[in-house]
Amino acid sequence: MNDSGDGAGHHSYEEAVERLEAIIVRLDSGKAELRETLELCREGKGLVEYCRAELDAVSGELERLDLDELVRKLEAGASGEAAGPEDGG
């Protein structure tokens, strides 16, 4: 596990979310001692920041892909193909 609290020890967004869920379960159990609670909160903060950065990065990539424009092009191409060749072969 990553003790630095920055989320860097997790290889994926999904792993970070899984670890956050485990932290929440531990904190909700009421069994964590004071120092452990502090460390879990620090780690959780780092994981949340990591996840936010990942979501922002993916969101930016999706915006750059301009999916609406891609859909319009695909629909235009499909409607053109549906009409078939004009010369009949």
N, C-alpha and C. Protein backbone atom coordinates (compact mmCIF):
# COMPACT_ATOMS: atom_id res chain seq x y z
N MET A 1 0.82 -1.19 0.00
CA MET A 1 0.00 0.00 0.00
C MET A 1 0.86 1.25 0.00
N ASN A 2 0.25 2.35 -0.33
CA ASN A 2 0.95 3.62 -0.39
C ASN A 2 0.74 4.39 0.90
N ASP A 3 1.83 4.73 1.59
CA ASP A 3 1.72 5.48 2.83
C ASP A 3 1.96 6.96 2.65
N SER A 4 2.29 7.39 1.43
CA SER A 4 2.59 8.80 1.22
C SER A 4 1.34 9.65 1.15
N GLY A 5 0.19 9.02 0.92
CA GLY A 5 -1.06 9.76 0.92
C GLY A 5 -1.34 10.51 -0.36
N ASP A 6 -0.57 10.24 -1.43
CA ASP A 6 -0.78 10.99 -2.65
C ASP A 6 -1.44 10.17 -3.75
N GLY A 7 -1.78 8.92 -3.48
CA GLY A 7 -2.44 8.09 -4.48
C GLY A 7 -1.48 7.48 -5.48
N ALA A 8 -0.19 7.81 -5.40
CA ALA A 8 0.77 7.37 -6.40
C ALA A 8 1.02 5.87 -6.36
N GLY A 9 0.71 5.20 -5.28
CA GLY A 9 0.94 3.77 -5.17
C GLY A 9 -0.12 2.94 -5.85
N HIS A 10 -1.13 3.58 -6.38
CA HIS A 10 -2.21 2.85 -7.04
C HIS A 10 -2.00 2.92 -8.54
N HIS A 11 -2.19 1.80 -9.19
CA HIS A 11 -1.91 1.71 -10.61
C HIS A 11 -3.07 2.18 -11.47
N SER A 12 -4.24 2.31 -10.90
CA SER A 12 -5.39 2.72 -11.70
C SER A 12 -6.40 3.46 -10.84
N TYR A 13 -7.26 4.16 -11.53
CA TYR A 13 -8.37 4.86 -10.88
C TYR A 13 -9.21 3.86 -10.09
N GLU A 14 -9.47 2.71 -10.70
CA GLU A 14 -10.31 1.70 -10.06
C GLU A 14 -9.70 1.19 -8.76
N GLU A 15 -8.38 0.99 -8.75
CA GLU A 15 -7.70 0.55 -7.53
C GLU A 15 -7.78 1.63 -6.45
N ALA A 16 -7.66 2.87 -6.85
CA ALA A 16 -7.74 3.97 -5.89
C ALA A 16 -9.14 4.04 -5.28
N VAL A 17 -10.16 3.86 -6.10
CA VAL A 17 -11.54 3.88 -5.60
C VAL A 17 -11.76 2.71 -4.64
N GLU A 18 -11.23 1.55 -5.01
CA GLU A 18 -11.35 0.37 -4.14
C GLU A 18 -10.70 0.63 -2.78
N ARG A 19 -9.54 1.25 -2.79
CA ARG A 19 -8.85 1.57 -1.52
C ARG A 19 -9.64 2.60 -0.72
N LEU A 20 -10.20 3.59 -1.40
CA LEU A 20 -11.04 4.58 -0.70
C LEU A 20 -12.22 3.91 -0.02
N GLU A 21 -12.83 2.96 -0.71
CA GLU A 21 -13.96 2.23 -0.11
C GLU A 21 -13.52 1.48 1.14
N ALA A 22 -12.33 0.86 1.09
CA ALA A 22 -11.81 0.14 2.25
C ALA A 22 -11.53 1.10 3.41
N ILE A 23 -11.02 2.27 3.09
CA ILE A 23 -10.76 3.28 4.13
C ILE A 23 -12.07 3.70 4.79
N ILE A 24 -13.08 3.93 3.98
CA ILE A 24 -14.38 4.34 4.52
C ILE A 24 -14.96 3.27 5.44
N VAL A 25 -14.85 2.01 5.02
CA VAL A 25 -15.34 0.91 5.86
C VAL A 25 -14.61 0.89 7.19
N ARG A 26 -13.29 1.04 7.14
CA ARG A 26 -12.49 1.03 8.38
C ARG A 26 -12.88 2.19 9.29
N LEU A 27 -13.01 3.39 8.73
CA LEU A 27 -13.38 4.54 9.54
C LEU A 27 -14.79 4.41 10.10
N ASP A 28 -15.71 3.89 9.30
CA ASP A 28 -17.09 3.70 9.75
C ASP A 28 -17.21 2.65 10.84
N SER A 29 -16.26 1.73 10.88
CA SER A 29 -16.32 0.66 11.88
C SER A 29 -16.12 1.19 13.30
N GLY A 30 -15.47 2.34 13.41
CA GLY A 30 -15.19 2.91 14.72
C GLY A 30 -14.07 2.21 15.46
N LYS A 31 -13.37 1.29 14.79
CA LYS A 31 -12.32 0.52 15.44
C LYS A 31 -10.93 1.11 15.24
N ALA A 32 -10.81 2.10 14.37
CA ALA A 32 -9.50 2.70 14.12
C ALA A 32 -9.12 3.60 15.28
N GLU A 33 -7.88 3.46 15.73
CA GLU A 33 -7.39 4.32 16.80
C GLU A 33 -7.08 5.70 16.24
N LEU A 34 -6.78 6.63 17.11
CA LEU A 34 -6.59 8.03 16.74
C LEU A 34 -5.56 8.21 15.64
N ARG A 35 -4.36 7.67 15.82
CA ARG A 35 -3.29 7.83 14.82
C ARG A 35 -3.64 7.15 13.51
N GLU A 36 -4.26 5.97 13.61
CA GLU A 36 -4.67 5.27 12.39
C GLU A 36 -5.72 6.09 11.65
N THR A 37 -6.64 6.69 12.39
CA THR A 37 -7.66 7.54 11.77
C THR A 37 -7.01 8.69 11.01
N LEU A 38 -6.02 9.32 11.63
CA LEU A 38 -5.31 10.41 10.99
C LEU A 38 -4.64 9.94 9.70
N GLU A 39 -3.96 8.81 9.75
CA GLU A 39 -3.27 8.29 8.57
C GLU A 39 -4.26 7.90 7.47
N LEU A 40 -5.37 7.30 7.86
CA LEU A 40 -6.39 6.93 6.88
C LEU A 40 -6.98 8.17 6.21
N CYS A 41 -7.20 9.21 7.00
CA CYS A 41 -7.72 10.46 6.43
C CYS A 41 -6.73 11.09 5.47
N ARG A 42 -5.46 11.06 5.82
CA ARG A 42 -4.41 11.58 4.92
C ARG A 42 -4.37 10.79 3.62
N GLU A 43 -4.38 9.48 3.76
CA GLU A 43 -4.34 8.63 2.57
C GLU A 43 -5.59 8.86 1.72
N GLY A 44 -6.73 8.93 2.37
CA GLY A 44 -7.98 9.17 1.65
C GLY A 44 -7.96 10.48 0.89
N LYS A 45 -7.43 11.52 1.51
CA LYS A 45 -7.33 12.83 0.85
C LYS A 45 -6.48 12.73 -0.41
N GLY A 46 -5.34 12.04 -0.29
CA GLY A 46 -4.48 11.86 -1.45
C GLY A 46 -5.17 11.07 -2.56
N LEU A 47 -5.91 10.06 -2.17
CA LEU A 47 -6.62 9.25 -3.16
C LEU A 47 -7.71 10.05 -3.86
N VAL A 48 -8.43 10.86 -3.09
CA VAL A 48 -9.47 11.70 -3.69
C VAL A 48 -8.85 12.67 -4.70
N GLU A 49 -7.71 13.26 -4.34
CA GLU A 49 -7.02 14.17 -5.25
C GLU A 49 -6.55 13.44 -6.51
N TYR A 50 -6.03 12.23 -6.33
CA TYR A 50 -5.59 11.42 -7.47
C TYR A 50 -6.78 11.11 -8.39
N CYS A 51 -7.89 10.68 -7.79
CA CYS A 51 -9.07 10.33 -8.58
C CYS A 51 -9.62 11.56 -9.31
N ARG A 52 -9.64 12.69 -8.64
CA ARG A 52 -10.12 13.92 -9.28
C ARG A 52 -9.24 14.26 -10.48
N ALA A 53 -7.93 14.14 -10.33
CA ALA A 53 -7.02 14.43 -11.43
C ALA A 53 -7.24 13.46 -12.60
N GLU A 54 -7.45 12.21 -12.29
CA GLU A 54 -7.72 11.22 -13.34
C GLU A 54 -9.01 11.54 -14.08
N LEU A 55 -10.06 11.89 -13.33
CA LEU A 55 -11.33 12.24 -13.95
C LEU A 55 -11.20 13.48 -14.82
N ASP A 56 -10.46 14.47 -14.33
CA ASP A 56 -10.24 15.69 -15.12
C ASP A 56 -9.48 15.37 -16.41
N ALA A 57 -8.49 14.51 -16.31
CA ALA A 57 -7.70 14.14 -17.49
C ALA A 57 -8.56 13.42 -18.52
N VAL A 58 -9.37 12.49 -18.07
CA VAL A 58 -10.24 11.75 -18.98
C VAL A 58 -11.28 12.68 -19.59
N SER A 59 -11.83 13.55 -18.77
CA SER A 59 -12.82 14.51 -19.27
C SER A 59 -12.22 15.38 -20.36
N GLY A 60 -11.00 15.85 -20.14
CA GLY A 60 -10.32 16.66 -21.14
C GLY A 60 -10.09 15.89 -22.43
N GLU A 61 -9.70 14.64 -22.31
CA GLU A 61 -9.50 13.80 -23.50
C GLU A 61 -10.80 13.62 -24.26
N LEU A 62 -11.90 13.39 -23.55
CA LEU A 62 -13.19 13.22 -24.20
C LEU A 62 -13.62 14.49 -24.92
N GLU A 63 -13.37 15.63 -24.31
CA GLU A 63 -13.69 16.89 -24.97
C GLU A 63 -12.87 17.06 -26.24
N ARG A 64 -11.60 16.68 -26.19
CA ARG A 64 -10.75 16.80 -27.37
C ARG A 64 -11.20 15.86 -28.48
N LEU A 65 -11.77 14.75 -28.12
CA LEU A 65 -12.25 13.82 -29.14
C LEU A 65 -13.45 14.37 -29.88
N ASP A 66 -14.16 15.30 -29.25
CA ASP A 66 -15.36 15.92 -29.84
C ASP A 66 -16.29 14.82 -30.37
N LEU A 67 -16.79 14.03 -29.46
CA LEU A 67 -17.62 12.89 -29.81
C LEU A 67 -18.89 13.27 -30.56
N ASP A 68 -19.47 14.43 -30.27
CA ASP A 68 -20.67 14.85 -30.99
C ASP A 68 -20.38 15.01 -32.48
N GLU A 69 -19.25 15.61 -32.79
CA GLU A 69 -18.86 15.78 -34.19
C GLU A 69 -18.62 14.43 -34.85
N LEU A 70 -18.00 13.51 -34.14
CA LEU A 70 -17.76 12.17 -34.66
C LEU A 70 -19.08 11.47 -34.97
N VAL A 71 -20.05 11.58 -34.06
CA VAL A 71 -21.36 10.96 -34.27
C VAL A 71 -22.02 11.56 -35.51
N ARG A 72 -21.96 12.89 -35.66
CA ARG A 72 -22.56 13.53 -36.84
C ARG A 72 -21.92 13.00 -38.13
N LYS A 73 -20.60 12.86 -38.12
CA LYS A 73 -19.92 12.35 -39.31
C LYS A 73 -20.33 10.91 -39.61
N LEU A 74 -20.41 10.10 -38.55
CA LEU A 74 -20.80 8.71 -38.75
C LEU A 74 -22.23 8.60 -39.26
N GLU A 75 -23.12 9.42 -38.72
CA GLU A 75 -24.51 9.40 -39.17
C GLU A 75 -24.62 9.88 -40.61
N ALA A 76 -23.86 10.90 -40.96
CA ALA A 76 -23.87 11.40 -42.33
C ALA A 76 -23.34 10.34 -43.28
N GLY A 77 -22.29 9.66 -42.87
CA GLY A 77 -21.73 8.59 -43.70
C GLY A 77 -22.69 7.43 -43.85
N ALA A 78 -23.37 7.08 -42.77
CA ALA A 78 -24.32 5.97 -42.81
C ALA A 78 -25.50 6.30 -43.70
N SER A 79 -25.99 7.53 -43.65
CA SER A 79 -27.13 7.90 -44.48
C SER A 79 -26.72 7.94 -45.95
N GLY A 80 -25.48 8.32 -46.23
CA GLY A 80 -24.97 8.32 -47.60
C GLY A 80 -24.81 6.91 -48.14
N GLU A 81 -24.38 5.99 -47.30
CA GLU A 81 -24.23 4.59 -47.71
C GLU A 81 -25.57 3.93 -47.90
N ALA A 82 -26.56 4.32 -47.12
CA ALA A 82 -27.89 3.72 -47.21
C ALA A 82 -28.53 4.03 -48.55
N ALA A 83 -28.17 5.17 -49.17
CA ALA A 83 -28.73 5.53 -50.46
C ALA A 83 -28.19 4.62 -51.56
N GLY A 84 -27.01 4.07 -51.37
CA GLY A 84 -26.42 3.14 -52.32
C GLY A 84 -25.75 3.85 -53.47
N PRO A 85 -25.03 3.11 -54.30
CA PRO A 85 -24.35 3.72 -55.44
C PRO A 85 -25.36 4.16 -56.49
N GLU A 86 -25.10 5.32 -57.10
CA GLU A 86 -26.05 5.87 -58.06
C GLU A 86 -25.93 5.23 -59.43
N ASP A 87 -24.78 4.65 -59.76
CA ASP A 87 -24.60 4.10 -61.10
C ASP A 87 -25.11 2.67 -61.22
N GLY A 88 -25.50 2.05 -60.09
CA GLY A 88 -26.08 0.72 -60.12
C GLY A 88 -25.08 -0.38 -60.37
N GLY A 89 -23.76 -0.11 -60.37
CA GLY A 89 -22.74 -1.13 -60.42
C GLY A 89 -22.16 -1.26 -61.71
